N, C-alpha and C. Protein backbone atom coordinates (compact mmCIF):
# COMPACT_ATOMS: atom_id res chain seq x y z
N UNK A 1 -7.81 17.11 -0.26
CA UNK A 1 -8.88 16.14 -0.26
C UNK A 1 -8.54 14.95 -1.14
N UNK A 2 -7.85 15.21 -2.27
CA UNK A 2 -7.46 14.12 -3.16
C UNK A 2 -6.52 13.15 -2.45
N UNK A 3 -5.61 13.67 -1.65
CA UNK A 3 -4.66 12.82 -0.93
C UNK A 3 -5.39 11.88 0.02
N UNK A 4 -6.40 12.38 0.70
CA UNK A 4 -7.18 11.54 1.61
C UNK A 4 -7.90 10.43 0.85
N UNK A 5 -8.43 10.77 -0.32
CA UNK A 5 -9.11 9.77 -1.14
C UNK A 5 -8.15 8.69 -1.62
N UNK A 6 -6.94 9.09 -2.01
CA UNK A 6 -5.97 8.11 -2.48
C UNK A 6 -5.52 7.21 -1.33
N UNK A 7 -5.30 7.78 -0.15
CA UNK A 7 -4.94 6.98 1.01
C UNK A 7 -6.08 6.02 1.35
N UNK A 8 -7.32 6.48 1.25
CA UNK A 8 -8.48 5.60 1.49
C UNK A 8 -8.50 4.47 0.46
N UNK A 9 -8.12 4.77 -0.77
CA UNK A 9 -8.00 3.73 -1.79
C UNK A 9 -6.94 2.70 -1.41
N UNK A 10 -5.87 3.16 -0.81
CA UNK A 10 -4.83 2.24 -0.33
C UNK A 10 -5.35 1.32 0.76
N UNK A 11 -6.13 1.89 1.67
CA UNK A 11 -6.70 1.06 2.72
C UNK A 11 -7.76 0.11 2.17
N UNK A 12 -8.45 0.52 1.12
CA UNK A 12 -9.41 -0.38 0.47
C UNK A 12 -8.68 -1.57 -0.17
N UNK A 13 -7.56 -1.30 -0.84
CA UNK A 13 -6.77 -2.39 -1.41
C UNK A 13 -6.22 -3.29 -0.31
N UNK A 14 -5.78 -2.69 0.77
CA UNK A 14 -5.28 -3.45 1.91
C UNK A 14 -6.37 -4.36 2.46
N UNK A 15 -7.58 -3.82 2.63
CA UNK A 15 -8.69 -4.63 3.12
C UNK A 15 -9.07 -5.74 2.16
N UNK A 16 -9.06 -5.44 0.87
CA UNK A 16 -9.38 -6.45 -0.13
C UNK A 16 -8.38 -7.60 -0.06
N UNK A 17 -7.11 -7.28 0.04
CA UNK A 17 -6.10 -8.34 0.14
C UNK A 17 -6.22 -9.12 1.44
N UNK A 18 -6.62 -8.47 2.52
CA UNK A 18 -6.84 -9.20 3.77
C UNK A 18 -8.03 -10.15 3.65
N UNK A 19 -9.07 -9.73 2.94
CA UNK A 19 -10.22 -10.60 2.73
C UNK A 19 -9.84 -11.78 1.84
N UNK A 20 -9.02 -11.51 0.83
CA UNK A 20 -8.62 -12.57 -0.10
C UNK A 20 -7.46 -13.41 0.42
N UNK A 21 -6.84 -13.02 1.52
CA UNK A 21 -5.65 -13.69 2.02
C UNK A 21 -5.80 -15.20 2.18
N UNK A 22 -6.90 -15.71 2.72
CA UNK A 22 -7.00 -17.17 2.86
C UNK A 22 -7.00 -17.91 1.52
N UNK A 23 -7.36 -17.23 0.44
CA UNK A 23 -7.43 -17.87 -0.87
C UNK A 23 -6.14 -17.73 -1.68
N UNK A 24 -5.20 -16.93 -1.18
CA UNK A 24 -3.97 -16.69 -1.92
C UNK A 24 -2.98 -17.82 -1.71
N UNK A 25 -2.19 -18.09 -2.73
CA UNK A 25 -1.14 -19.08 -2.63
C UNK A 25 -0.02 -18.50 -1.78
N UNK A 26 0.25 -19.09 -0.65
CA UNK A 26 1.16 -18.48 0.30
C UNK A 26 2.58 -19.02 0.22
N UNK A 27 2.79 -20.13 -0.41
CA UNK A 27 4.15 -20.68 -0.47
C UNK A 27 4.66 -21.11 0.89
N UNK A 28 3.79 -21.53 1.76
CA UNK A 28 4.19 -22.02 3.07
C UNK A 28 4.14 -20.99 4.18
N UNK A 29 3.92 -19.74 3.87
CA UNK A 29 3.82 -18.69 4.89
C UNK A 29 2.36 -18.45 5.27
N UNK A 30 2.20 -17.70 6.32
CA UNK A 30 0.86 -17.31 6.74
C UNK A 30 0.24 -16.48 5.62
N UNK A 31 -1.03 -16.71 5.27
CA UNK A 31 -1.63 -15.97 4.15
C UNK A 31 -1.66 -14.46 4.35
N UNK A 32 -1.80 -14.00 5.57
CA UNK A 32 -1.84 -12.55 5.82
C UNK A 32 -0.47 -11.94 5.54
N UNK A 33 0.59 -12.63 5.92
CA UNK A 33 1.94 -12.13 5.63
C UNK A 33 2.14 -12.05 4.12
N UNK A 34 1.72 -13.08 3.41
CA UNK A 34 1.83 -13.07 1.96
C UNK A 34 1.05 -11.91 1.36
N UNK A 35 -0.16 -11.68 1.85
CA UNK A 35 -1.00 -10.59 1.33
C UNK A 35 -0.37 -9.23 1.59
N UNK A 36 0.23 -9.03 2.74
CA UNK A 36 0.84 -7.75 3.05
C UNK A 36 2.11 -7.54 2.22
N UNK A 37 2.84 -8.61 1.98
CA UNK A 37 4.04 -8.48 1.14
C UNK A 37 3.67 -8.30 -0.32
N UNK A 38 2.49 -8.71 -0.70
CA UNK A 38 1.98 -8.44 -2.05
C UNK A 38 1.46 -7.01 -2.14
N UNK A 39 0.85 -6.53 -1.06
CA UNK A 39 0.28 -5.19 -1.03
C UNK A 39 1.33 -4.10 -1.23
N UNK A 40 2.46 -4.22 -0.55
CA UNK A 40 3.43 -3.12 -0.53
C UNK A 40 3.94 -2.77 -1.94
N UNK A 41 4.38 -3.73 -2.77
CA UNK A 41 4.79 -3.30 -4.12
C UNK A 41 3.62 -2.84 -4.98
N UNK A 42 2.45 -3.46 -4.82
CA UNK A 42 1.29 -3.00 -5.59
C UNK A 42 0.94 -1.56 -5.23
N UNK A 43 0.97 -1.25 -3.96
CA UNK A 43 0.62 0.09 -3.52
C UNK A 43 1.70 1.10 -3.92
N UNK A 44 2.96 0.67 -3.95
CA UNK A 44 4.02 1.57 -4.39
C UNK A 44 3.81 1.96 -5.85
N UNK A 45 3.46 0.98 -6.68
CA UNK A 45 3.20 1.27 -8.10
C UNK A 45 2.02 2.23 -8.24
N UNK A 46 0.96 1.99 -7.49
CA UNK A 46 -0.21 2.86 -7.55
C UNK A 46 0.14 4.28 -7.06
N UNK A 47 0.98 4.38 -6.04
CA UNK A 47 1.39 5.69 -5.53
C UNK A 47 2.25 6.45 -6.54
N UNK A 48 3.12 5.73 -7.23
CA UNK A 48 3.95 6.37 -8.25
C UNK A 48 3.08 6.83 -9.42
N UNK A 49 2.08 6.03 -9.78
CA UNK A 49 1.14 6.46 -10.83
C UNK A 49 0.42 7.73 -10.40
N UNK A 50 0.03 7.81 -9.14
CA UNK A 50 -0.60 9.02 -8.62
C UNK A 50 0.36 10.21 -8.72
N UNK A 51 1.64 9.98 -8.43
CA UNK A 51 2.65 11.04 -8.55
C UNK A 51 2.76 11.50 -10.00
N UNK A 52 2.81 10.56 -10.93
CA UNK A 52 2.93 10.91 -12.34
C UNK A 52 1.72 11.70 -12.82
N UNK A 53 0.54 11.29 -12.39
CA UNK A 53 -0.68 12.02 -12.76
C UNK A 53 -0.64 13.43 -12.16
N UNK A 54 -0.17 13.55 -10.94
CA UNK A 54 -0.06 14.87 -10.32
C UNK A 54 0.91 15.77 -11.06
N UNK A 55 1.98 15.20 -11.55
CA UNK A 55 2.96 16.00 -12.29
C UNK A 55 2.43 16.38 -13.67
N UNK A 56 1.85 15.41 -14.38
CA UNK A 56 1.41 15.65 -15.76
C UNK A 56 0.08 16.40 -15.85
N UNK A 57 -0.88 16.04 -15.03
CA UNK A 57 -2.22 16.63 -15.15
C UNK A 57 -2.40 17.89 -14.32
N UNK A 58 -1.96 17.83 -13.08
CA UNK A 58 -2.19 18.96 -12.19
C UNK A 58 -1.13 20.04 -12.32
N UNK A 59 -0.02 19.72 -12.97
CA UNK A 59 1.01 20.73 -13.19
C UNK A 59 1.96 20.94 -12.04
N UNK A 60 1.98 20.01 -11.07
CA UNK A 60 2.92 20.13 -9.96
C UNK A 60 4.30 19.67 -10.42
N UNK A 61 5.32 20.11 -9.71
CA UNK A 61 6.68 19.65 -9.99
C UNK A 61 6.93 18.39 -9.16
N UNK A 62 8.02 17.70 -9.50
CA UNK A 62 8.38 16.50 -8.74
C UNK A 62 8.64 16.86 -7.28
N UNK A 63 9.30 17.98 -7.05
CA UNK A 63 9.61 18.38 -5.67
C UNK A 63 8.35 18.72 -4.88
N UNK A 64 7.30 19.17 -5.54
CA UNK A 64 6.04 19.42 -4.85
C UNK A 64 5.29 18.11 -4.58
N UNK A 65 5.42 17.16 -5.48
CA UNK A 65 4.69 15.89 -5.35
C UNK A 65 5.40 14.86 -4.48
N UNK A 66 6.71 14.96 -4.34
CA UNK A 66 7.47 13.96 -3.59
C UNK A 66 7.00 13.79 -2.14
N UNK A 67 6.76 14.87 -1.38
CA UNK A 67 6.27 14.67 -0.01
C UNK A 67 4.88 14.03 0.02
N UNK A 68 4.06 14.33 -0.97
CA UNK A 68 2.74 13.72 -1.05
C UNK A 68 2.88 12.22 -1.31
N UNK A 69 3.84 11.86 -2.17
CA UNK A 69 4.10 10.44 -2.43
C UNK A 69 4.48 9.72 -1.14
N UNK A 70 5.32 10.35 -0.34
CA UNK A 70 5.73 9.73 0.92
C UNK A 70 4.54 9.49 1.84
N UNK A 71 3.62 10.44 1.90
CA UNK A 71 2.45 10.28 2.76
C UNK A 71 1.49 9.25 2.17
N UNK A 72 1.20 9.39 0.87
CA UNK A 72 0.25 8.50 0.21
C UNK A 72 0.72 7.05 0.28
N UNK A 73 2.00 6.82 0.03
CA UNK A 73 2.53 5.46 0.10
C UNK A 73 2.77 5.04 1.54
N UNK A 74 3.32 5.95 2.33
CA UNK A 74 3.79 5.60 3.66
C UNK A 74 2.74 5.19 4.65
N UNK A 75 1.61 5.86 4.67
CA UNK A 75 0.60 5.56 5.69
C UNK A 75 0.03 4.14 5.51
N UNK A 76 -0.52 3.77 4.34
CA UNK A 76 -1.00 2.40 4.19
C UNK A 76 0.12 1.35 4.26
N UNK A 77 1.31 1.68 3.75
CA UNK A 77 2.42 0.72 3.80
C UNK A 77 2.87 0.49 5.24
N UNK A 78 2.85 1.53 6.06
CA UNK A 78 3.21 1.36 7.47
C UNK A 78 2.21 0.45 8.19
N UNK A 79 0.94 0.62 7.87
CA UNK A 79 -0.08 -0.25 8.47
C UNK A 79 0.12 -1.69 8.00
N UNK A 80 0.41 -1.87 6.71
CA UNK A 80 0.66 -3.22 6.19
C UNK A 80 1.89 -3.83 6.83
N UNK A 81 2.94 -3.05 7.01
CA UNK A 81 4.15 -3.55 7.66
C UNK A 81 3.88 -3.93 9.11
N UNK A 82 3.07 -3.14 9.78
CA UNK A 82 2.70 -3.45 11.16
C UNK A 82 1.90 -4.75 11.23
N UNK A 83 0.96 -4.93 10.31
CA UNK A 83 0.18 -6.17 10.27
C UNK A 83 1.09 -7.36 9.97
N UNK A 84 1.99 -7.19 9.03
CA UNK A 84 2.93 -8.25 8.66
C UNK A 84 3.82 -8.61 9.85
N UNK A 85 4.32 -7.61 10.53
CA UNK A 85 5.16 -7.83 11.71
C UNK A 85 4.39 -8.55 12.80
N UNK A 86 3.14 -8.16 12.98
CA UNK A 86 2.31 -8.75 14.03
C UNK A 86 2.06 -10.23 13.75
N UNK A 87 1.74 -10.57 12.51
CA UNK A 87 1.45 -11.95 12.16
C UNK A 87 2.73 -12.77 12.05
N UNK A 88 3.85 -12.16 11.70
CA UNK A 88 5.11 -12.88 11.60
C UNK A 88 5.55 -13.36 12.97
N UNK A 89 5.29 -12.61 13.99
CA UNK A 89 5.62 -13.01 15.35
C UNK A 89 4.81 -14.19 15.83
N UNK A 90 3.61 -14.35 15.31
CA UNK A 90 2.73 -15.46 15.73
C UNK A 90 3.09 -16.78 15.07
N UNK A 91 3.79 -16.73 13.95
CA UNK A 91 4.08 -17.97 13.22
C UNK A 91 5.36 -18.64 13.69
N UNK A 92 6.12 -17.98 14.52
CA UNK A 92 7.40 -18.57 14.97
C UNK A 92 7.23 -19.29 16.27
């Protein structure tokens, strides 16, 4: 259940960045592309923090937490990459 909540948190961050995308400094790119490229490293850091908390607080080993990290990071990051790819095709 915790994994689902963390993934939902990732989608919440993704949605927040999509809402804020028009206000972000894009450096000449489409704001949604900029937001998705900002999301991926932010979400990776949050996912690694979740891994560290799982190891230190819950008592799991790194090998037990590593597959969870892949799922927790991978699902929202894949959606962000898909959105980025979709919008990148429209700007060319």
